[in-house]
C-alpha atoms as a PDB file:
ATOM      1  CA  MET A   1       0.146  -0.104  -0.081  1.00  0.00           C
ATOM      2  CA  LYS A   2       1.369   4.026  -0.940  1.00  0.00           C
ATOM      3  CA  LYS A   3       2.132   5.560   1.985  1.00  0.00           C
ATOM      4  CA  GLN A   4       1.551   9.461   1.970  1.00  0.00           C
ATOM      5  CA  ARG A   5       3.941  11.937   1.768  1.00  0.00           C
ATOM      6  CA  VAL A   6       3.976  14.915   4.352  1.00  0.00           C
ATOM      7  CA  ILE A   7       3.771  18.049   3.158  1.00  0.00           C
ATOM      8  CA  GLY A   8       4.746  21.126   5.542  1.00  0.00           C
ATOM      9  CA  ILE A   9       3.004  24.383   5.074  1.00  0.00           C
ATOM     10  CA  PHE A  10       3.079  27.855   6.660  1.00  0.00           C
ATOM     11  CA  ASP A  11       1.828  31.103   6.454  1.00  0.00           C
ATOM     12  CA  SER A  12       1.432  34.250   8.391  1.00  0.00           C
ATOM     13  CA  GLY A  13      -2.358  33.066   9.573  1.00  0.00           C
ATOM     14  CA  VAL A  14      -5.258  31.885   7.794  1.00  0.00           C
ATOM     15  CA  GLY A  15      -3.493  32.892   4.221  1.00  0.00           C
ATOM     16  CA  GLY A  16      -2.249  29.486   3.346  1.00  0.00           C
ATOM     17  CA  LEU A  17      -5.271  27.405   4.054  1.00  0.00           C
ATOM     18  CA  THR A  18      -6.265  28.723   0.289  1.00  0.00           C
ATOM     19  CA  VAL A  19      -3.383  27.198  -0.751  1.00  0.00           C
ATOM     20  CA  MET A  20      -3.719  24.126   1.570  1.00  0.00           C
ATOM     21  CA  LYS A  21      -7.327  23.496   0.013  1.00  0.00           C
ATOM     22  CA  GLU A  22      -6.025  23.461  -3.149  1.00  0.00           C
ATOM     23  CA  ILE A  23      -3.566  20.615  -2.378  1.00  0.00           C
ATOM     24  CA  LEU A  24      -5.833  18.469  -0.558  1.00  0.00           C
ATOM     25  CA  GLU A  25      -8.396  18.406  -3.366  1.00  0.00           C
ATOM     26  CA  GLN A  26      -5.842  17.888  -6.080  1.00  0.00           C
ATOM     27  CA  LEU A  27      -3.181  15.481  -4.341  1.00  0.00           C
ATOM     28  CA  LEU A  28      -4.963  12.798  -2.795  1.00  0.00           C
ATOM     29  CA  ASP A  29      -1.736  10.665  -1.359  1.00  0.00           C
ATOM     30  CA  VAL A  30      -0.466  13.701   0.883  1.00  0.00           C
ATOM     31  CA  ARG A  31      -0.630  14.770   4.595  1.00  0.00           C
ATOM     32  CA  ILE A  32      -0.361  18.219   5.816  1.00  0.00           C
ATOM     33  CA  VAL A  33       0.863  20.031   8.785  1.00  0.00           C
ATOM     34  CA  TYR A  34      -0.115  23.700   8.563  1.00  0.00           C
ATOM     35  CA  PHE A  35       1.213  26.254  10.834  1.00  0.00           C
ATOM     36  CA  GLY A  36      -0.164  29.771  10.970  1.00  0.00           C
ATOM     37  CA  ASP A  37       1.952  32.233  12.984  1.00  0.00           C
ATOM     38  CA  THR A  38      -0.859  33.993  14.146  1.00  0.00           C
ATOM     39  CA  ALA A  39       0.437  36.041  16.860  1.00  0.00           C
ATOM     40  CA  ARG A  40       2.922  37.645  14.778  1.00  0.00           C
ATOM     41  CA  VAL A  41       0.451  38.154  11.781  1.00  0.00           C
ATOM     42  CA  PRO A  42       0.799  40.391   9.357  1.00  0.00           C
ATOM     43  CA  TYR A  43       4.578  39.778   7.808  1.00  0.00           C
ATOM     44  CA  GLY A  44       3.606  42.581   5.405  1.00  0.00           C
ATOM     45  CA  ASN A  45       5.733  45.020   7.427  1.00  0.00           C
ATOM     46  CA  ARG A  46       7.939  42.941   8.822  1.00  0.00           C
ATOM     47  CA  SER A  47      12.051  43.254   8.231  1.00  0.00           C
ATOM     48  CA  ARG A  48      13.555  40.583   6.076  1.00  0.00           C
ATOM     49  CA  GLU A  49      15.920  39.892   9.219  1.00  0.00           C
ATOM     50  CA  GLU A  50      12.611  39.206  11.124  1.00  0.00           C
ATOM     51  CA  LEU A  51      11.208  37.004   8.561  1.00  0.00           C
ATOM     52  CA  ILE A  52      14.038  35.024   7.974  1.00  0.00           C
ATOM     53  CA  ARG A  53      14.329  34.357  12.159  1.00  0.00           C
ATOM     54  CA  PHE A  54      10.486  33.496  11.524  1.00  0.00           C
ATOM     55  CA  GLY A  55      11.092  31.230   8.763  1.00  0.00           C
ATOM     56  CA  GLU A  56      13.983  29.213  10.567  1.00  0.00           C
ATOM     57  CA  GLU A  57      11.546  28.532  13.575  1.00  0.00           C
ATOM     58  CA  ILE A  58       8.913  27.353  11.660  1.00  0.00           C
ATOM     59  CA  VAL A  59      10.654  25.314   9.331  1.00  0.00           C
ATOM     60  CA  THR A  60      12.510  23.794  12.030  1.00  0.00           C
ATOM     61  CA  PHE A  61       9.441  22.779  13.568  1.00  0.00           C
ATOM     62  CA  LEU A  62       7.679  21.699  10.918  1.00  0.00           C
ATOM     63  CA  ILE A  63      10.590  19.210  10.006  1.00  0.00           C
ATOM     64  CA  GLY A  64      10.308  17.827  13.703  1.00  0.00           C
ATOM     65  CA  GLN A  65       6.893  17.023  12.910  1.00  0.00           C
ATOM     66  CA  GLY A  66       7.286  14.635  10.216  1.00  0.00           C
ATOM     67  CA  ALA A  67       7.373  17.159   7.135  1.00  0.00           C
ATOM     68  CA  GLU A  68       9.505  15.937   4.081  1.00  0.00           C
ATOM     69  CA  VAL A  69       8.276  19.005   1.719  1.00  0.00           C
ATOM     70  CA  ILE A  70       7.883  22.599   2.891  1.00  0.00           C
ATOM     71  CA  VAL A  71       5.492  25.042   1.198  1.00  0.00           C
ATOM     72  CA  VAL A  72       5.951  28.677   2.393  1.00  0.00           C
ATOM     73  CA  ALA A  73       2.379  29.502   1.789  1.00  0.00           C
ATOM     74  CA  CYS A  74       3.408  33.091   2.232  1.00  0.00           C
ATOM     75  CA  ASN A  75       4.086  35.341  -0.614  1.00  0.00           C
ATOM     76  CA  THR A  76       6.206  38.000   1.835  1.00  0.00           C
ATOM     77  CA  CYS A  77       8.469  35.285   2.767  1.00  0.00           C
ATOM     78  CA  SER A  78       8.754  33.650  -0.699  1.00  0.00           C
ATOM     79  CA  ALA A  79       9.931  37.052  -1.719  1.00  0.00           C
ATOM     80  CA  THR A  80      12.406  37.798   1.064  1.00  0.00           C
ATOM     81  CA  ALA A  81      13.283  34.661   3.039  1.00  0.00           C
ATOM     82  CA  LEU A  82      13.050  31.847   0.788  1.00  0.00           C
ATOM     83  CA  PRO A  83      16.302  32.092  -0.862  1.00  0.00           C
ATOM     84  CA  VAL A  84      18.092  31.807   2.640  1.00  0.00           C
ATOM     85  CA  LEU A  85      15.838  29.296   4.177  1.00  0.00           C
ATOM     86  CA  ARG A  86      16.765  27.014   1.376  1.00  0.00           C
ATOM     87  CA  ASP A  87      20.455  27.467   1.868  1.00  0.00           C
ATOM     88  CA  ARG A  88      20.004  26.458   5.673  1.00  0.00           C
ATOM     89  CA  PHE A  89      17.444  23.442   5.236  1.00  0.00           C
ATOM     90  CA  ASP A  90      18.287  20.505   3.246  1.00  0.00           C
ATOM     91  CA  ILE A  91      14.532  19.933   2.534  1.00  0.00           C
ATOM     92  CA  PRO A  92      12.680  20.607  -0.975  1.00  0.00           C
ATOM     93  CA  MET A  93      11.168  23.820  -0.830  1.00  0.00           C
ATOM     94  CA  ILE A  94       8.420  25.548  -2.987  1.00  0.00           C
ATOM     95  CA  GLY A  95       7.330  29.671  -2.756  1.00  0.00           C
ATOM     96  CA  MET A  96       4.408  31.075  -4.297  1.00  0.00           C
ATOM     97  CA  VAL A  97       6.336  33.540  -6.523  1.00  0.00           C
ATOM     98  CA  GLU A  98       7.995  31.661  -8.943  1.00  0.00           C
ATOM     99  CA  PRO A  99       5.127  29.589  -9.731  1.00  0.00           C
ATOM    100  CA  GLY A 100       2.801  32.587  -9.848  1.00  0.00           C
ATOM    101  CA  ALA A 101       4.578  34.609 -12.338  1.00  0.00           C
ATOM    102  CA  ARG A 102       5.209  31.628 -14.634  1.00  0.00           C
ATOM    103  CA  LEU A 103       1.432  31.485 -14.432  1.00  0.00           C
ATOM    104  CA  ALA A 104       0.446  34.915 -14.723  1.00  0.00           C
ATOM    105  CA  VAL A 105       2.917  34.889 -18.277  1.00  0.00           C
ATOM    106  CA  GLU A 106       1.063  31.990 -19.685  1.00  0.00           C
ATOM    107  CA  LYS A 107      -2.235  33.512 -18.783  1.00  0.00           C
ATOM    108  CA  THR A 108      -2.098  37.038 -19.676  1.00  0.00           C
ATOM    109  CA  ILE A 109      -3.544  37.928 -23.302  1.00  0.00           C
ATOM    110  CA  ALA A 110      -2.122  41.467 -23.362  1.00  0.00           C
ATOM    111  CA  GLY A 111       1.448  41.241 -21.846  1.00  0.00           C
ATOM    112  CA  ARG A 112       0.111  43.787 -18.931  1.00  0.00           C
ATOM    113  CA  ILE A 113       0.579  42.102 -15.603  1.00  0.00           C
ATOM    114  CA  GLY A 114      -0.733  43.672 -12.075  1.00  0.00           C
ATOM    115  CA  LEU A 115      -0.213  42.715  -8.623  1.00  0.00           C
ATOM    116  CA  ILE A 116      -1.773  43.377  -5.407  1.00  0.00           C
ATOM    117  CA  ALA A 117       0.663  42.236  -2.247  1.00  0.00           C
ATOM    118  CA  THR A 118       1.842  43.317   1.031  1.00  0.00           C
ATOM    119  CA  GLU A 119       4.189  46.500   0.984  1.00  0.00           C
ATOM    120  CA  THR A 120       7.276  43.926   1.529  1.00  0.00           C
ATOM    121  CA  THR A 121       6.695  41.854  -1.466  1.00  0.00           C
ATOM    122  CA  VAL A 122       6.041  45.020  -3.944  1.00  0.00           C
ATOM    123  CA  ARG A 123       8.960  46.659  -2.318  1.00  0.00           C
ATOM    124  CA  SER A 124      10.777  43.573  -3.088  1.00  0.00           C
ATOM    125  CA  LYS A 125      10.063  43.435  -7.268  1.00  0.00           C
ATOM    126  CA  ALA A 126      10.294  39.649  -6.868  1.00  0.00           C
ATOM    127  CA  TYR A 127       7.092  39.265  -8.940  1.00  0.00           C
ATOM    128  CA  SER A 128       8.504  41.697 -11.854  1.00  0.00           C
ATOM    129  CA  SER A 129      11.790  39.629 -11.853  1.00  0.00           C
ATOM    130  CA  GLY A 130       9.890  36.078 -11.438  1.00  0.00           C
ATOM    131  CA  VAL A 131       8.058  37.302 -14.672  1.00  0.00           C
ATOM    132  CA  SER A 132      11.200  37.941 -16.422  1.00  0.00           C
ATOM    133  CA  ARG A 133      13.098  35.041 -15.235  1.00  0.00           C
ATOM    134  CA  ALA A 134       9.985  32.806 -16.423  1.00  0.00           C
ATOM    135  CA  LEU A 135      10.244  34.683 -19.993  1.00  0.00           C
ATOM    136  CA  ALA A 136      14.202  33.668 -20.010  1.00  0.00           C
ATOM    137  CA  LYS A 137      13.523  30.458 -18.938  1.00  0.00           C
ATOM    138  CA  GLY A 138      10.817  29.511 -22.115  1.00  0.00           C
ATOM    139  CA  SER A 139       7.456  30.052 -20.463  1.00  0.00           C
ATOM    140  CA  VAL A 140       5.280  32.000 -23.128  1.00  0.00           C
ATOM    141  CA  PRO A 141       1.969  32.880 -23.239  1.00  0.00           C
ATOM    142  CA  GLU A 142      -0.858  30.675 -24.407  1.00  0.00           C
ATOM    143  CA  ASP A 143      -2.116  33.290 -26.525  1.00  0.00           C
ATOM    144  CA  LYS A 144      -0.930  33.180 -29.846  1.00  0.00           C
ATOM    145  CA  VAL A 145      -1.465  36.468 -30.902  1.00  0.00           C
ATOM    146  CA  LEU A 146       0.599  37.534 -27.853  1.00  0.00           C
ATOM    147  CA  ARG A 147       2.837  35.274 -28.199  1.00  0.00           C
ATOM    148  CA  GLU A 148       4.007  35.906 -31.627  1.00  0.00           C
ATOM    149  CA  ALA A 149       4.339  39.983 -30.590  1.00  0.00           C
ATOM    150  CA  TRP A 150       6.536  39.166 -28.066  1.00  0.00           C
ATOM    151  CA  GLN A 151       8.712  36.723 -29.531  1.00  0.00           C
ATOM    152  CA  ASN A 152       8.974  39.410 -32.720  1.00  0.00           C
ATOM    153  CA  GLY A 153       9.869  42.329 -30.036  1.00  0.00           C
ATOM    154  CA  GLU A 154       6.852  43.975 -30.859  1.00  0.00           C
ATOM    155  CA  GLN A 155       5.070  43.646 -27.581  1.00  0.00           C
ATOM    156  CA  ALA A 156       6.172  43.584 -24.010  1.00  0.00           C
ATOM    157  CA  ILE A 157       5.371  41.266 -21.203  1.00  0.00           C
ATOM    158  CA  ALA A 158       5.584  42.427 -17.588  1.00  0.00           C
ATOM    159  CA  VAL A 159       4.340  43.635 -14.298  1.00  0.00           C
ATOM    160  CA  VAL A 160       3.009  46.906 -15.494  1.00  0.00           C
ATOM    161  CA  LYS A 161       1.659  47.953 -11.909  1.00  0.00           C
ATOM    162  CA  ALA A 162       2.156  46.830  -8.053  1.00  0.00           C
ATOM    163  CA  GLN A 163      -0.018  48.105  -5.362  1.00  0.00           C
ATOM    164  CA  GLY A 164       0.536  47.555  -1.831  1.00  0.00           C
ATOM    165  CA  CYS A 165      -2.925  46.388   0.181  1.00  0.00           C
ATOM    166  CA  PRO A 166      -1.895  46.932   4.090  1.00  0.00           C
ATOM    167  CA  LEU A 167      -5.384  46.385   4.893  1.00  0.00           C
ATOM    168  CA  PHE A 168      -6.348  43.193   3.456  1.00  0.00           C
ATOM    169  CA  VAL A 169      -4.638  40.918   5.731  1.00  0.00           C
ATOM    170  CA  PRO A 170      -5.982  42.652   8.853  1.00  0.00           C
ATOM    171  CA  LEU A 171      -9.489  42.206   7.094  1.00  0.00           C
ATOM    172  CA  ILE A 172      -9.132  38.837   6.609  1.00  0.00           C
ATOM    173  CA  GLU A 173      -7.811  37.397   9.422  1.00  0.00           C
ATOM    174  CA  ALA A 174     -11.160  39.066  11.313  1.00  0.00           C
ATOM    175  CA  GLY A 175     -13.343  37.645   9.268  1.00  0.00           C
ATOM    176  CA  LEU A 176     -14.352  40.412   7.217  1.00  0.00           C
ATOM    177  CA  SER A 177     -13.764  39.124   3.864  1.00  0.00           C
ATOM    178  CA  ASN A 178     -17.031  39.839   2.310  1.00  0.00           C
ATOM    179  CA  SER A 179     -18.308  42.766   4.705  1.00  0.00           C
ATOM    180  CA  ALA A 180     -19.039  46.659   3.227  1.00  0.00           C
ATOM    181  CA  GLU A 181     -15.621  47.780   4.349  1.00  0.00           C
ATOM    182  CA  ALA A 182     -13.675  45.354   2.521  1.00  0.00           C
ATOM    183  CA  ARG A 183     -15.685  46.700  -0.775  1.00  0.00           C
ATOM    184  CA  GLY A 184     -15.103  50.135  -0.101  1.00  0.00           C
ATOM    185  CA  ILE A 185     -11.038  49.793   0.605  1.00  0.00           C
ATOM    186  CA  ALA A 186     -10.543  47.084  -2.123  1.00  0.00           C
ATOM    187  CA  ARG A 187     -12.290  50.143  -4.376  1.00  0.00           C
ATOM    188  CA  THR A 188      -9.445  52.229  -3.577  1.00  0.00           C
ATOM    189  CA  TYR A 189      -6.665  49.807  -3.915  1.00  0.00           C
ATOM    190  CA  LEU A 190      -7.608  48.912  -7.365  1.00  0.00           C
ATOM    191  CA  ALA A 191      -8.246  51.968  -8.708  1.00  0.00           C
ATOM    192  CA  PRO A 192      -4.694  52.183  -9.988  1.00  0.00           C
ATOM    193  CA  LEU A 193      -4.763  48.956 -11.240  1.00  0.00           C
ATOM    194  CA  GLN A 194      -7.718  50.071 -13.581  1.00  0.00           C
ATOM    195  CA  ALA A 195      -6.298  52.941 -14.488  1.00  0.00           C
ATOM    196  CA  SER A 196      -3.155  50.919 -15.886  1.00  0.00           C
ATOM    197  CA  GLY A 197      -5.274  49.017 -18.098  1.00  0.00           C
ATOM    198  CA  VAL A 198      -3.994  45.505 -16.487  1.00  0.00           C
ATOM    199  CA  ASP A 199      -5.582  42.306 -18.336  1.00  0.00           C
ATOM    200  CA  ALA A 200      -4.299  39.825 -15.869  1.00  0.00           C
ATOM    201  CA  LEU A 201      -3.935  40.289 -11.960  1.00  0.00           C
ATOM    202  CA  ILE A 202      -1.745  38.274  -9.350  1.00  0.00           C
ATOM    203  CA  LEU A 203      -3.054  38.170  -5.941  1.00  0.00           C
ATOM    204  CA  GLY A 204       0.312  38.232  -4.535  1.00  0.00           C
ATOM    205  CA  CYS A 205      -0.720  37.400  -1.033  1.00  0.00           C
ATOM    206  CA  THR A 206      -2.219  34.039   0.037  1.00  0.00           C
ATOM    207  CA  HIS A 207      -5.017  35.736   1.955  1.00  0.00           C
ATOM    208  CA  TYR A 208      -6.182  37.376  -1.054  1.00  0.00           C
ATOM    209  CA  PRO A 209      -7.887  34.610  -2.691  1.00  0.00           C
ATOM    210  CA  PHE A 210     -10.666  35.347   0.147  1.00  0.00           C
ATOM    211  CA  LEU A 211     -11.152  38.517  -1.547  1.00  0.00           C
ATOM    212  CA  GLU A 212     -11.162  37.037  -4.994  1.00  0.00           C
ATOM    213  CA  GLU A 213     -15.290  37.410  -5.845  1.00  0.00           C
ATOM    214  CA  VAL A 214     -15.017  41.202  -4.109  1.00  0.00           C
ATOM    215  CA  ILE A 215     -11.920  41.668  -6.396  1.00  0.00           C
ATOM    216  CA  GLN A 216     -13.404  40.139 -10.176  1.00  0.00           C
ATOM    217  CA  GLU A 217     -16.445  42.294  -9.109  1.00  0.00           C
ATOM    218  CA  ILE A 218     -15.099  46.117  -9.129  1.00  0.00           C
ATOM    219  CA  LEU A 219     -12.710  44.745 -12.342  1.00  0.00           C
ATOM    220  CA  GLY A 220     -14.712  43.181 -14.037  1.00  0.00           C
ATOM    221  CA  ASP A 221     -14.266  40.040 -16.219  1.00  0.00           C
ATOM    222  CA  ASP A 222     -11.940  41.161 -18.430  1.00  0.00           C
ATOM    223  CA  VAL A 223      -9.249  40.976 -16.245  1.00  0.00           C
ATOM    224  CA  LEU A 224      -8.097  37.442 -15.394  1.00  0.00           C
ATOM    225  CA  ILE A 225      -7.288  36.911 -11.613  1.00  0.00           C
ATOM    226  CA  ILE A 226      -4.453  34.821 -11.274  1.00  0.00           C
ATOM    227  CA  ASP A 227      -3.947  32.529  -8.032  1.00  0.00           C
ATOM    228  CA  PRO A 228      -0.492  31.335  -7.550  1.00  0.00           C
ATOM    229  CA  ALA A 229      -2.012  28.289  -5.570  1.00  0.00           C
ATOM    230  CA  LEU A 230      -2.846  26.459  -8.452  1.00  0.00           C
ATOM    231  CA  ALA A 231       0.728  26.552 -10.232  1.00  0.00           C
ATOM    232  CA  VAL A 232       2.354  25.551  -6.541  1.00  0.00           C
ATOM    233  CA  VAL A 233       0.012  22.513  -6.769  1.00  0.00           C
ATOM    234  CA  GLU A 234       1.351  21.932 -10.115  1.00  0.00           C
ATOM    235  CA  GLU A 235       5.249  22.496  -9.127  1.00  0.00           C
ATOM    236  CA  LEU A 236       4.316  20.303  -5.872  1.00  0.00           C
ATOM    237  CA  ARG A 237       3.224  17.442  -7.962  1.00  0.00           C
ATOM    238  CA  LYS A 238       6.065  17.149 -10.038  1.00  0.00           C
ATOM    239  CA  LEU A 239       8.613  17.517  -6.921  1.00  0.00           C
ATOM    240  CA  LEU A 240       6.852  14.697  -5.119  1.00  0.00           C
ATOM    241  CA  GLN A 241       6.828  12.550  -8.260  1.00  0.00           C
ATOM    242  CA  GLN A 242      10.925  13.126  -8.792  1.00  0.00           C
ATOM    243  CA  MET A 243      11.183  12.069  -4.837  1.00  0.00           C
ATOM    244  CA  ASP A 244       9.348   9.064  -5.195  1.00  0.00           C
ATOM    245  CA  GLY A 245      11.561   8.083  -8.296  1.00  0.00           C
ATOM    246  CA  GLY A 246      14.814   9.114  -6.371  1.00  0.00           C
ATOM    247  CA  ARG A 247      14.485   7.321  -3.369  1.00  0.00           C
ATOM    248  CA  ARG A 248      12.245   4.603  -1.219  1.00  0.00           C
ATOM    249  CA  LEU A 249       9.361   5.958  -0.124  1.00  0.00           C
ATOM    250  CA  GLU A 250       8.564   3.574   2.896  1.00  0.00           C
ATOM    251  CA  ALA A 251      11.642   4.423   4.645  1.00  0.00           C
ATOM    252  CA  VAL A 252      11.216   7.919   4.580  1.00  0.00           C
ATOM    253  CA  VAL A 253       7.234   7.847   5.531  1.00  0.00           C
ATOM    254  CA  SER A 254       8.262   5.419   8.402  1.00  0.00           C
ATOM    255  CA  ALA A 255      10.423   8.251  10.143  1.00  0.00           C
ATOM    256  CA  ALA A 256       7.652  10.429   9.715  1.00  0.00           C
ATOM    257  CA  ASP A 257       5.077   8.153  11.123  1.00  0.00           C
ATOM    258  CA  THR A 258       7.368   7.743  13.906  1.00  0.00           C
ATOM    259  CA  VAL A 259       6.889  11.496  15.163  1.00  0.00           C
ATOM    260  CA  LEU A 260       2.864  11.578  13.907  1.00  0.00           C
ATOM    261  CA  GLY A 261       1.769   8.562  15.199  1.00  0.00           C
ATOM    262  CA  LYS A 262       0.063   5.633  12.965  1.00  0.00           C
ATOM    263  CA  ASN A 263      -3.375   7.202  13.566  1.00  0.00           C
ATOM    264  CA  HIS A 264      -4.877   8.090  10.086  1.00  0.00           C
ATOM    265  CA  TRP A 265      -5.463  11.724   9.792  1.00  0.00           C
ATOM    266  CA  ARG A 266      -4.925  14.151   6.690  1.00  0.00           C
ATOM    267  CA  VAL A 267      -4.261  17.490   8.277  1.00  0.00           C
ATOM    268  CA  ARG A 268      -2.816  18.740  11.486  1.00  0.00           C
ATOM    269  CA  TYR A 269      -3.517  22.658  12.525  1.00  0.00           C
ATOM    270  CA  PHE A 270      -0.606  24.750  14.476  1.00  0.00           C
ATOM    271  CA  VAL A 271      -0.837  28.350  15.332  1.00  0.00           C
ATOM    272  CA  SER A 272       1.178  30.423  17.597  1.00  0.00           C
ATOM    273  CA  GLY A 273      -1.666  32.536  18.644  1.00  0.00           C
ATOM    274  CA  ASP A 274      -5.281  31.729  19.713  1.00  0.00           C
ATOM    275  CA  PRO A 275      -6.698  28.530  18.261  1.00  0.00           C
ATOM    276  CA  GLY A 276     -10.113  29.294  18.989  1.00  0.00           C
ATOM    277  CA  LEU A 277     -10.036  32.365  16.380  1.00  0.00           C
ATOM    278  CA  PHE A 278      -8.209  30.454  13.607  1.00  0.00           C
ATOM    279  CA  ARG A 279     -10.543  27.900  14.249  1.00  0.00           C
ATOM    280  CA  GLN A 280     -13.364  30.164  13.928  1.00  0.00           C
ATOM    281  CA  VAL A 281     -12.211  31.876  10.865  1.00  0.00           C
ATOM    282  CA  GLY A 282     -10.723  29.137   9.114  1.00  0.00           C
ATOM    283  CA  ASN A 283     -14.265  27.138   9.010  1.00  0.00           C
ATOM    284  CA  THR A 284     -15.992  30.348   7.498  1.00  0.00           C
ATOM    285  CA  LEU A 285     -13.341  31.080   4.724  1.00  0.00           C
ATOM    286  CA  ILE A 286     -12.531  27.640   3.323  1.00  0.00           C
ATOM    287  CA  GLN A 287     -15.837  26.430   4.381  1.00  0.00           C
ATOM    288  CA  GLN A 288     -14.622  22.819   5.531  1.00  0.00           C
ATOM    289  CA  PRO A 289     -14.250  21.335   9.296  1.00  0.00           C
ATOM    290  CA  ILE A 290     -11.221  22.646  10.976  1.00  0.00           C
ATOM    291  CA  ASP A 291     -11.383  20.927  14.624  1.00  0.00           C
ATOM    292  CA  LEU A 292      -8.276  20.425  16.611  1.00  0.00           C
ATOM    293  CA  VAL A 293      -6.019  23.336  16.502  1.00  0.00           C
ATOM    294  CA  GLU A 294      -2.946  22.996  18.623  1.00  0.00           C
ATOM    295  CA  GLN A 295      -0.919  26.234  19.937  1.00  0.00           C
ATOM    296  CA  VAL A 296       2.486  26.734  19.718  1.00  0.00           C
ATOM    297  CA  MET A 297       4.319  29.606  20.949  1.00  0.00           C
ATOM    298  CA  PRO A 298       6.905  31.420  18.649  1.00  0.00           C
ATOM    299  CA  SER A 299       9.863  30.490  21.270  1.00  0.00           C
ATOM    300  CA  GLU A 300       8.850  26.885  20.930  1.00  0.00           C
ATOM    301  CA  CYS A 301       9.243  26.581  17.287  1.00  0.00           C
END
């Protein structure tokens, strides 16, 4: 019988649940250990040094819980801390930026890509660089007209407008993603993107898919919403196939079972803040039962 790989996912709060949900729906042979750093949310105004330290603490904790792959389900950490974390840990890691940038390149039809993200992610210009790298590595638009125009040097493909949205994460963490307040703030944030004429918009924070209906309503159907989580799942699928082909699955999973116990579970949840609030907001947002949530203080990670 094939045993399941254990995937560690972390985010500053509930946002990473959007990535977790996609993984659970599309990859049936995995188990997930999820960590939400709710005591220190939001990450968007944190320094690079803080984010690296938080990431080291959390990755160490997830490895201790049996994780064999880490999904950094936080764009801010992916844009700033992920390169350092990859150097310091001998475990495969997948971030949000590279998969999201590739998906945006593939789906844009006019080459005018927009980005909404935390202020730290916007300042890092990680998605602008990611789009350039995706093109350099061979990613091309699916739209034939744009593809040929770009290949002929007649049309650029780039992030033409990036907008920081610092109030989105606190709203979502408070369970207000469908409120009138959220709609008013979204209109203000999205106005510069509308003025820039973007045809595709990257949701550069894993919290933002919880506002996708609001965002689409404001921008209209002519703007395609890009959720990097979809591309992350595909990258994770390929990585797991490589791992399973390169070493014996049984030996790795039995080590994880030693830590996790052999009871049958699909997801385990850990937070650094209030477990009850995470459960309440998470249940509302993903509309799936979140039962046991364990609190782990940052100093224990």
